Amino acid sequence: MDVAFGDDASRKQKDNAAQNFSLLNRIGLNIIKNAKVSSMGVKGHRKKAGWDNDYLLYALKSFDVVKI
């Protein structure tokens, strides 16, 4: 987690902020790992999702938690 999101450098200390952000980062990492279509690393996939809205939508749609 620290390599992908830099958790050690985080300065969130008030109340449950560190735990909450850690949970959100873990969810984001799972979404990225599930949507990998190339041999790019996690950092590259995060950047791609930030720059390309189509890829972001693909990643979010591929992370289907509840199958109806």
PDB file of N, CA and C in Angstrom:
ATOM      1  N   MET A   1       0.818  -1.191   0.000  1.00  0.00           N
ATOM      2  CA  MET A   1       0.000   0.000   0.000  1.00  0.00           C
ATOM      3  C   MET A   1       0.865   1.259   0.000  1.00  0.00           C
ATOM      4  N   ASP A   2       1.981   1.201   0.705  1.00  0.00           N
ATOM      5  CA  ASP A   2       2.798   2.407   0.799  1.00  0.00           C
ATOM      6  C   ASP A   2       3.416   2.763  -0.540  1.00  0.00           C
ATOM      7  N   VAL A   3       3.797   1.768  -1.318  1.00  0.00           N
ATOM      8  CA  VAL A   3       4.408   2.039  -2.617  1.00  0.00           C
ATOM      9  C   VAL A   3       3.392   2.666  -3.561  1.00  0.00           C
ATOM     10  N   ALA A   4       2.180   2.163  -3.557  1.00  0.00           N
ATOM     11  CA  ALA A   4       1.163   2.654  -4.486  1.00  0.00           C
ATOM     12  C   ALA A   4       0.571   3.994  -4.068  1.00  0.00           C
ATOM     13  N   PHE A   5       0.373   4.200  -2.771  1.00  0.00           N
ATOM     14  CA  PHE A   5      -0.342   5.381  -2.317  1.00  0.00           C
ATOM     15  C   PHE A   5       0.447   6.263  -1.358  1.00  0.00           C
ATOM     16  N   GLY A   6       1.626   5.863  -0.936  1.00  0.00           N
ATOM     17  CA  GLY A   6       2.441   6.677  -0.047  1.00  0.00           C
ATOM     18  C   GLY A   6       1.834   6.843   1.337  1.00  0.00           C
ATOM     19  N   ASP A   7       1.364   5.769   1.929  1.00  0.00           N
ATOM     20  CA  ASP A   7       0.704   5.846   3.232  1.00  0.00           C
ATOM     21  C   ASP A   7       1.623   6.359   4.334  1.00  0.00           C
ATOM     22  N   ASP A   8       2.897   6.030   4.293  1.00  0.00           N
ATOM     23  CA  ASP A   8       3.806   6.457   5.348  1.00  0.00           C
ATOM     24  C   ASP A   8       4.000   7.968   5.375  1.00  0.00           C
ATOM     25  N   ALA A   9       3.873   8.616   4.234  1.00  0.00           N
ATOM     26  CA  ALA A   9       4.067  10.064   4.160  1.00  0.00           C
ATOM     27  C   ALA A   9       2.798  10.846   4.508  1.00  0.00           C
ATOM     28  N   SER A  10       1.706  10.133   4.715  1.00  0.00           N
ATOM     29  CA  SER A  10       0.438  10.783   5.015  1.00  0.00           C
ATOM     30  C   SER A  10       0.464  11.433   6.390  1.00  0.00           C
ATOM     31  N   ARG A  11      -0.143  12.613   6.502  1.00  0.00           N
ATOM     32  CA  ARG A  11      -0.156  13.337   7.770  1.00  0.00           C
ATOM     33  C   ARG A  11      -1.553  13.352   8.407  1.00  0.00           C
ATOM     34  N   LYS A  12      -2.405  12.448   7.990  1.00  0.00           N
ATOM     35  CA  LYS A  12      -3.763  12.382   8.548  1.00  0.00           C
ATOM     36  C   LYS A  12      -3.691  11.756   9.941  1.00  0.00           C
ATOM     37  N   GLN A  13      -4.076  12.510  10.961  1.00  0.00           N
ATOM     38  CA  GLN A  13      -3.972  12.009  12.322  1.00  0.00           C
ATOM     39  C   GLN A  13      -5.232  12.228  13.142  1.00  0.00           C
ATOM     40  N   LYS A  14      -6.097  13.103  12.726  1.00  0.00           N
ATOM     41  CA  LYS A  14      -7.248  13.451  13.544  1.00  0.00           C
ATOM     42  C   LYS A  14      -8.315  12.354  13.498  1.00  0.00           C
ATOM     43  N   ASP A  15      -8.793  11.978  14.653  1.00  0.00           N
ATOM     44  CA  ASP A  15      -9.861  10.986  14.818  1.00  0.00           C
ATOM     45  C   ASP A  15      -9.564   9.720  14.022  1.00  0.00           C
ATOM     46  N   ASN A  16     -10.463   9.362  13.136  1.00  0.00           N
ATOM     47  CA  ASN A  16     -10.316   8.132  12.359  1.00  0.00           C
ATOM     48  C   ASN A  16      -9.879   8.396  10.921  1.00  0.00           C
ATOM     49  N   ALA A  17      -9.333   9.550  10.645  1.00  0.00           N
ATOM     50  CA  ALA A  17      -9.003   9.926   9.273  1.00  0.00           C
ATOM     51  C   ALA A  17      -8.020   8.956   8.632  1.00  0.00           C
ATOM     52  N   ALA A  18      -6.989   8.538   9.358  1.00  0.00           N
ATOM     53  CA  ALA A  18      -5.984   7.636   8.792  1.00  0.00           C
ATOM     54  C   ALA A  18      -6.615   6.292   8.425  1.00  0.00           C
ATOM     55  N   GLN A  19      -7.459   5.769   9.279  1.00  0.00           N
ATOM     56  CA  GLN A  19      -8.112   4.488   9.003  1.00  0.00           C
ATOM     57  C   GLN A  19      -9.089   4.606   7.840  1.00  0.00           C
ATOM     58  N   ASN A  20      -9.827   5.713   7.789  1.00  0.00           N
ATOM     59  CA  ASN A  20     -10.792   5.909   6.709  1.00  0.00           C
ATOM     60  C   ASN A  20     -10.096   6.018   5.355  1.00  0.00           C
ATOM     61  N   PHE A  21      -9.027   6.805   5.284  1.00  0.00           N
ATOM     62  CA  PHE A  21      -8.315   6.950   4.032  1.00  0.00           C
ATOM     63  C   PHE A  21      -7.605   5.662   3.638  1.00  0.00           C
ATOM     64  N   SER A  22      -7.136   4.906   4.608  1.00  0.00           N
ATOM     65  CA  SER A  22      -6.513   3.621   4.320  1.00  0.00           C
ATOM     66  C   SER A  22      -7.526   2.675   3.672  1.00  0.00           C
ATOM     67  N   LEU A  23      -8.741   2.685   4.174  1.00  0.00           N
ATOM     68  CA  LEU A  23      -9.793   1.851   3.606  1.00  0.00           C
ATOM     69  C   LEU A  23     -10.116   2.287   2.172  1.00  0.00           C
ATOM     70  N   LEU A  24     -10.221   3.594   1.942  1.00  0.00           N
ATOM     71  CA  LEU A  24     -10.486   4.094   0.592  1.00  0.00           C
ATOM     72  C   LEU A  24      -9.355   3.750  -0.363  1.00  0.00           C
ATOM     73  N   ASN A  25      -8.113   3.845   0.113  1.00  0.00           N
ATOM     74  CA  ASN A  25      -6.968   3.476  -0.725  1.00  0.00           C
ATOM     75  C   ASN A  25      -6.992   1.991  -1.065  1.00  0.00           C
ATOM     76  N   ARG A  26      -7.374   1.162  -0.106  1.00  0.00           N
ATOM     77  CA  ARG A  26      -7.447  -0.277  -0.353  1.00  0.00           C
ATOM     78  C   ARG A  26      -8.522  -0.591  -1.392  1.00  0.00           C
ATOM     79  N   ILE A  27      -9.654   0.091  -1.311  1.00  0.00           N
ATOM     80  CA  ILE A  27     -10.725  -0.093  -2.303  1.00  0.00           C
ATOM     81  C   ILE A  27     -10.233   0.329  -3.684  1.00  0.00           C
ATOM     82  N   GLY A  28      -9.559   1.477  -3.755  1.00  0.00           N
ATOM     83  CA  GLY A  28      -9.013   1.943  -5.029  1.00  0.00           C
ATOM     84  C   GLY A  28      -7.997   0.983  -5.606  1.00  0.00           C
ATOM     85  N   LEU A  29      -7.147   0.425  -4.764  1.00  0.00           N
ATOM     86  CA  LEU A  29      -6.151  -0.544  -5.229  1.00  0.00           C
ATOM     87  C   LEU A  29      -6.821  -1.799  -5.771  1.00  0.00           C
ATOM     88  N   ASN A  30      -7.871  -2.260  -5.116  1.00  0.00           N
ATOM     89  CA  ASN A  30      -8.597  -3.438  -5.598  1.00  0.00           C
ATOM     90  C   ASN A  30      -9.263  -3.165  -6.936  1.00  0.00           C
ATOM     91  N   ILE A  31      -9.809  -1.971  -7.120  1.00  0.00           N
ATOM     92  CA  ILE A  31     -10.426  -1.607  -8.400  1.00  0.00           C
ATOM     93  C   ILE A  31      -9.378  -1.615  -9.500  1.00  0.00           C
ATOM     94  N   ILE A  32      -8.219  -1.040  -9.239  1.00  0.00           N
ATOM     95  CA  ILE A  32      -7.152  -0.982 -10.240  1.00  0.00           C
ATOM     96  C   ILE A  32      -6.636  -2.374 -10.565  1.00  0.00           C
ATOM     97  N   LYS A  33      -6.429  -3.198  -9.552  1.00  0.00           N
ATOM     98  CA  LYS A  33      -5.930  -4.556  -9.798  1.00  0.00           C
ATOM     99  C   LYS A  33      -6.927  -5.380 -10.598  1.00  0.00           C
ATOM    100  N   ASN A  34      -8.198  -5.151 -10.387  1.00  0.00           N
ATOM    101  CA  ASN A  34      -9.232  -5.903 -11.091  1.00  0.00           C
ATOM    102  C   ASN A  34      -9.348  -5.476 -12.554  1.00  0.00           C
ATOM    103  N   ALA A  35      -9.003  -4.234 -12.872  1.00  0.00           N
ATOM    104  CA  ALA A  35      -9.211  -3.682 -14.210  1.00  0.00           C
ATOM    105  C   ALA A  35      -7.957  -3.721 -15.080  1.00  0.00           C
ATOM    106  N   LYS A  36      -6.886  -4.340 -14.632  1.00  0.00           N
ATOM    107  CA  LYS A  36      -5.645  -4.315 -15.403  1.00  0.00           C
ATOM    108  C   LYS A  36      -5.843  -4.960 -16.766  1.00  0.00           C
ATOM    109  N   VAL A  37      -5.487  -4.231 -17.803  1.00  0.00           N
ATOM    110  CA  VAL A  37      -5.559  -4.750 -19.163  1.00  0.00           C
ATOM    111  C   VAL A  37      -4.194  -4.725 -19.825  1.00  0.00           C
ATOM    112  N   SER A  38      -3.213  -4.131 -19.177  1.00  0.00           N
ATOM    113  CA  SER A  38      -1.860  -4.085 -19.731  1.00  0.00           C
ATOM    114  C   SER A  38      -0.860  -4.407 -18.630  1.00  0.00           C
ATOM    115  N   SER A  39       0.404  -4.460 -18.991  1.00  0.00           N
ATOM    116  CA  SER A  39       1.435  -4.812 -18.027  1.00  0.00           C
ATOM    117  C   SER A  39       1.947  -3.601 -17.256  1.00  0.00           C
ATOM    118  N   MET A  40       1.205  -2.519 -17.288  1.00  0.00           N
ATOM    119  CA  MET A  40       1.562  -1.300 -16.569  1.00  0.00           C
ATOM    120  C   MET A  40       1.431  -1.538 -15.063  1.00  0.00           C
ATOM    121  N   GLY A  41       2.218  -0.835 -14.269  1.00  0.00           N
ATOM    122  CA  GLY A  41       2.147  -0.960 -12.820  1.00  0.00           C
ATOM    123  C   GLY A  41       0.956  -0.223 -12.245  1.00  0.00           C
ATOM    124  N   VAL A  42       0.784  -0.350 -10.946  1.00  0.00           N
ATOM    125  CA  VAL A  42      -0.336   0.285 -10.256  1.00  0.00           C
ATOM    126  C   VAL A  42      -0.267   1.800 -10.406  1.00  0.00           C
ATOM    127  N   LYS A  43       0.925   2.361 -10.269  1.00  0.00           N
ATOM    128  CA  LYS A  43       1.083   3.813 -10.396  1.00  0.00           C
ATOM    129  C   LYS A  43       0.645   4.289 -11.782  1.00  0.00           C
ATOM    130  N   GLY A  44       1.012   3.546 -12.815  1.00  0.00           N
ATOM    131  CA  GLY A  44       0.618   3.901 -14.175  1.00  0.00           C
ATOM    132  C   GLY A  44      -0.877   3.805 -14.381  1.00  0.00           C
ATOM    133  N   HIS A  45      -1.493   2.789 -13.796  1.00  0.00           N
ATOM    134  CA  HIS A  45      -2.948   2.646 -13.916  1.00  0.00           C
ATOM    135  C   HIS A  45      -3.668   3.776 -13.179  1.00  0.00           C
ATOM    136  N   ARG A  46      -3.130   4.214 -12.038  1.00  0.00           N
ATOM    137  CA  ARG A  46      -3.728   5.343 -11.320  1.00  0.00           C
ATOM    138  C   ARG A  46      -3.658   6.609 -12.161  1.00  0.00           C
ATOM    139  N   LYS A  47      -2.515   6.835 -12.779  1.00  0.00           N
ATOM    140  CA  LYS A  47      -2.369   8.016 -13.634  1.00  0.00           C
ATOM    141  C   LYS A  47      -3.307   7.937 -14.834  1.00  0.00           C
ATOM    142  N   LYS A  48      -3.377   6.751 -15.444  1.00  0.00           N
ATOM    143  CA  LYS A  48      -4.243   6.572 -16.606  1.00  0.00           C
ATOM    144  C   LYS A  48      -5.704   6.831 -16.242  1.00  0.00           C
ATOM    145  N   ALA A  49      -6.133   6.353 -15.083  1.00  0.00           N
ATOM    146  CA  ALA A  49      -7.512   6.582 -14.636  1.00  0.00           C
ATOM    147  C   ALA A  49      -7.750   8.065 -14.357  1.00  0.00           C
ATOM    148  N   GLY A  50      -6.716   8.765 -13.919  1.00  0.00           N
ATOM    149  CA  GLY A  50      -6.854  10.197 -13.660  1.00  0.00           C
ATOM    150  C   GLY A  50      -6.901  11.024 -14.931  1.00  0.00           C
ATOM    151  N   TRP A  51      -6.242  10.550 -15.973  1.00  0.00           N
ATOM    152  CA  TRP A  51      -6.169  11.301 -17.235  1.00  0.00           C
ATOM    153  C   TRP A  51      -7.245  10.915 -18.236  1.00  0.00           C
ATOM    154  N   ASP A  52      -7.674   9.658 -18.188  1.00  0.00           N
ATOM    155  CA  ASP A  52      -8.576   9.133 -19.215  1.00  0.00           C
ATOM    156  C   ASP A  52      -9.905   8.725 -18.575  1.00  0.00           C
ATOM    157  N   ASN A  53     -10.940   9.505 -18.820  1.00  0.00           N
ATOM    158  CA  ASN A  53     -12.245   9.219 -18.216  1.00  0.00           C
ATOM    159  C   ASN A  53     -12.825   7.897 -18.699  1.00  0.00           C
ATOM    160  N   ASP A  54     -12.555   7.528 -19.949  1.00  0.00           N
ATOM    161  CA  ASP A  54     -13.063   6.254 -20.462  1.00  0.00           C
ATOM    162  C   ASP A  54     -12.445   5.080 -19.703  1.00  0.00           C
ATOM    163  N   TYR A  55     -11.146   5.166 -19.432  1.00  0.00           N
ATOM    164  CA  TYR A  55     -10.489   4.105 -18.658  1.00  0.00           C
ATOM    165  C   TYR A  55     -11.017   4.069 -17.227  1.00  0.00           C
ATOM    166  N   LEU A  56     -11.251   5.230 -16.638  1.00  0.00           N
ATOM    167  CA  LEU A  56     -11.798   5.289 -15.285  1.00  0.00           C
ATOM    168  C   LEU A  56     -13.164   4.613 -15.223  1.00  0.00           C
ATOM    169  N   LEU A  57     -14.018   4.908 -16.186  1.00  0.00           N
ATOM    170  CA  LEU A  57     -15.334   4.261 -16.228  1.00  0.00           C
ATOM    171  C   LEU A  57     -15.213   2.761 -16.438  1.00  0.00           C
ATOM    172  N   TYR A  58     -14.269   2.346 -17.302  1.00  0.00           N
ATOM    173  CA  TYR A  58     -14.030   0.912 -17.528  1.00  0.00           C
ATOM    174  C   TYR A  58     -13.608   0.235 -16.225  1.00  0.00           C
ATOM    175  N   ALA A  59     -12.693   0.871 -15.494  1.00  0.00           N
ATOM    176  CA  ALA A  59     -12.200   0.290 -14.247  1.00  0.00           C
ATOM    177  C   ALA A  59     -13.321   0.177 -13.219  1.00  0.00           C
ATOM    178  N   LEU A  60     -14.138   1.207 -13.113  1.00  0.00           N
ATOM    179  CA  LEU A  60     -15.229   1.169 -12.147  1.00  0.00           C
ATOM    180  C   LEU A  60     -16.292   0.146 -12.532  1.00  0.00           C
ATOM    181  N   LYS A  61     -16.573   0.031 -13.825  1.00  0.00           N
ATOM    182  CA  LYS A  61     -17.569  -0.952 -14.268  1.00  0.00           C
ATOM    183  C   LYS A  61     -17.052  -2.370 -14.139  1.00  0.00           C
ATOM    184  N   SER A  62     -15.752  -2.574 -14.289  1.00  0.00           N
ATOM    185  CA  SER A  62     -15.200  -3.933 -14.206  1.00  0.00           C
ATOM    186  C   SER A  62     -15.155  -4.418 -12.763  1.00  0.00           C
ATOM    187  N   PHE A  63     -15.258  -3.524 -11.803  1.00  0.00           N
ATOM    188  CA  PHE A  63     -15.263  -3.884 -10.386  1.00  0.00           C
ATOM    189  C   PHE A  63     -16.697  -4.068  -9.942  1.00  0.00           C
ATOM    190  N   ASP A  64     -17.325  -5.103 -10.422  1.00  0.00           N
ATOM    191  CA  ASP A  64     -18.729  -5.378 -10.143  1.00  0.00           C
ATOM    192  C   ASP A  64     -18.832  -6.136  -8.829  1.00  0.00           C
ATOM    193  N   VAL A  65     -19.227  -5.466  -7.790  1.00  0.00           N
ATOM    194  CA  VAL A  65     -19.300  -6.067  -6.464  1.00  0.00           C
ATOM    195  C   VAL A  65     -20.557  -6.927  -6.342  1.00  0.00           C
ATOM    196  N   VAL A  66     -21.680  -6.382  -6.743  1.00  0.00           N
ATOM    197  CA  VAL A  66     -22.944  -7.088  -6.635  1.00  0.00           C
ATOM    198  C   VAL A  66     -23.399  -7.468  -8.032  1.00  0.00           C
ATOM    199  N   LYS A  67     -23.526  -8.748  -8.278  1.00  0.00           N
ATOM    200  CA  LYS A  67     -23.975  -9.223  -9.581  1.00  0.00           C
ATOM    201  C   LYS A  67     -25.466  -9.494  -9.508  1.00  0.00           C
ATOM    202  N   ILE A  68     -26.211  -8.773 -10.322  1.00  0.00           N
ATOM    203  CA  ILE A  68     -27.669  -8.899 -10.293  1.00  0.00           C
ATOM    204  C   ILE A  68     -28.112  -9.768 -11.446  1.00  0.00           C
TER     205      ILE A  68
END
